[in-house]
Amino acid sequence: MVKVGCEMATIDGFSGHSDRRQLLAFVDSMNPKPRNIICHHGDYYKCSELGKELRDKYRCRTYAPKNLETVRIL
């Protein structure tokens, strides 16, 4: 068992059905910018392309897991 010490937050104005432009604008509004981003909802190819664009623009690490793939975040 691993105790997860993270904080839950509500993000006003953010929808799980945002398009690419809205997702990029959301990341652009974040301060500080994230160092790691996991793109995990939707078509694998689209998630990978979004991850590449985020990586190029914000110099962060991105990852797009495949369907049913486990991601270790510790």
Protein backbone atom coordinates (compact mmCIF):
# COMPACT_ATOMS: atom_id res chain seq x y z
CA MET A 1 0.00 0.00 0.00
CA VAL A 2 1.31 3.44 -0.93
CA LYS A 3 0.02 6.54 0.81
CA VAL A 4 -0.57 9.16 -1.86
CA GLY A 5 0.11 12.66 -0.60
CA CYS A 6 -1.53 14.79 -3.25
CA GLU A 7 -3.97 17.62 -3.22
CA MET A 8 -7.33 17.60 -5.00
CA ALA A 9 -8.43 20.80 -6.68
CA THR A 10 -11.41 21.93 -8.73
CA ILE A 11 -10.53 23.71 -11.94
CA ASP A 12 -13.26 26.14 -12.95
CA GLY A 13 -13.86 26.51 -16.67
CA PHE A 14 -12.16 23.23 -17.59
CA SER A 15 -14.11 20.54 -19.39
CA GLY A 16 -13.14 16.94 -19.98
CA HIS A 17 -14.42 17.52 -23.50
CA SER A 18 -12.16 20.44 -24.37
CA ASP A 19 -10.67 20.57 -27.86
CA ARG A 20 -6.97 20.89 -28.71
CA ARG A 21 -7.06 24.70 -28.74
CA GLN A 22 -8.74 24.83 -25.32
CA LEU A 23 -6.28 22.33 -23.84
CA LEU A 24 -3.30 24.34 -25.12
CA ALA A 25 -4.83 27.56 -23.75
CA PHE A 26 -5.39 25.84 -20.40
CA VAL A 27 -1.74 24.78 -20.13
CA ASP A 28 -0.68 28.25 -21.29
CA SER A 29 -2.62 29.81 -18.40
CA MET A 30 -0.95 27.62 -15.77
CA ASN A 31 1.64 29.22 -13.51
CA PRO A 32 4.03 27.62 -12.94
CA LYS A 33 3.98 25.50 -16.06
CA PRO A 34 3.87 21.75 -15.46
CA ARG A 35 7.09 19.76 -15.81
CA ASN A 36 5.24 16.52 -16.69
CA ILE A 37 2.00 16.03 -18.62
CA ILE A 38 0.18 12.74 -19.23
CA CYS A 39 -2.19 12.85 -22.23
CA HIS A 40 -4.52 9.94 -21.58
CA HIS A 41 -8.01 10.57 -22.90
CA GLY A 42 -8.94 9.85 -26.49
CA ASP A 43 -7.29 8.34 -29.54
CA TYR A 44 -3.66 7.31 -28.92
CA TYR A 45 -2.40 9.06 -32.08
CA LYS A 46 -4.16 12.34 -31.16
CA CYS A 47 -2.84 12.15 -27.59
CA SER A 48 0.69 11.55 -28.88
CA GLU A 49 0.47 14.52 -31.25
CA LEU A 50 -0.86 16.78 -28.48
CA GLY A 51 1.95 15.58 -26.23
CA LYS A 52 4.54 16.41 -28.90
CA GLU A 53 3.13 19.92 -29.32
CA LEU A 54 3.11 20.48 -25.54
CA ARG A 55 6.67 19.15 -25.26
CA ASP A 56 7.92 21.43 -28.04
CA LYS A 57 6.12 24.52 -26.76
CA TYR A 58 6.69 24.19 -23.00
CA ARG A 59 9.85 22.04 -22.84
CA CYS A 60 8.10 19.60 -20.51
CA ARG A 61 8.03 15.82 -20.42
CA THR A 62 4.89 14.30 -21.91
CA TYR A 63 3.58 10.77 -22.11
CA ALA A 64 0.63 9.25 -23.96
CA PRO A 65 -0.08 5.77 -22.56
CA LYS A 66 -1.77 3.18 -24.74
CA ASN A 67 -5.18 1.73 -23.87
CA LEU A 68 -5.03 -0.30 -20.62
CA GLU A 69 -1.38 0.67 -20.04
CA THR A 70 -0.34 1.30 -16.44
CA VAL A 71 1.57 4.48 -15.64
CA ARG A 72 3.75 4.68 -12.53
CA ILE A 73 3.70 8.26 -11.21
CA LEU A 74 5.85 7.83 -8.12
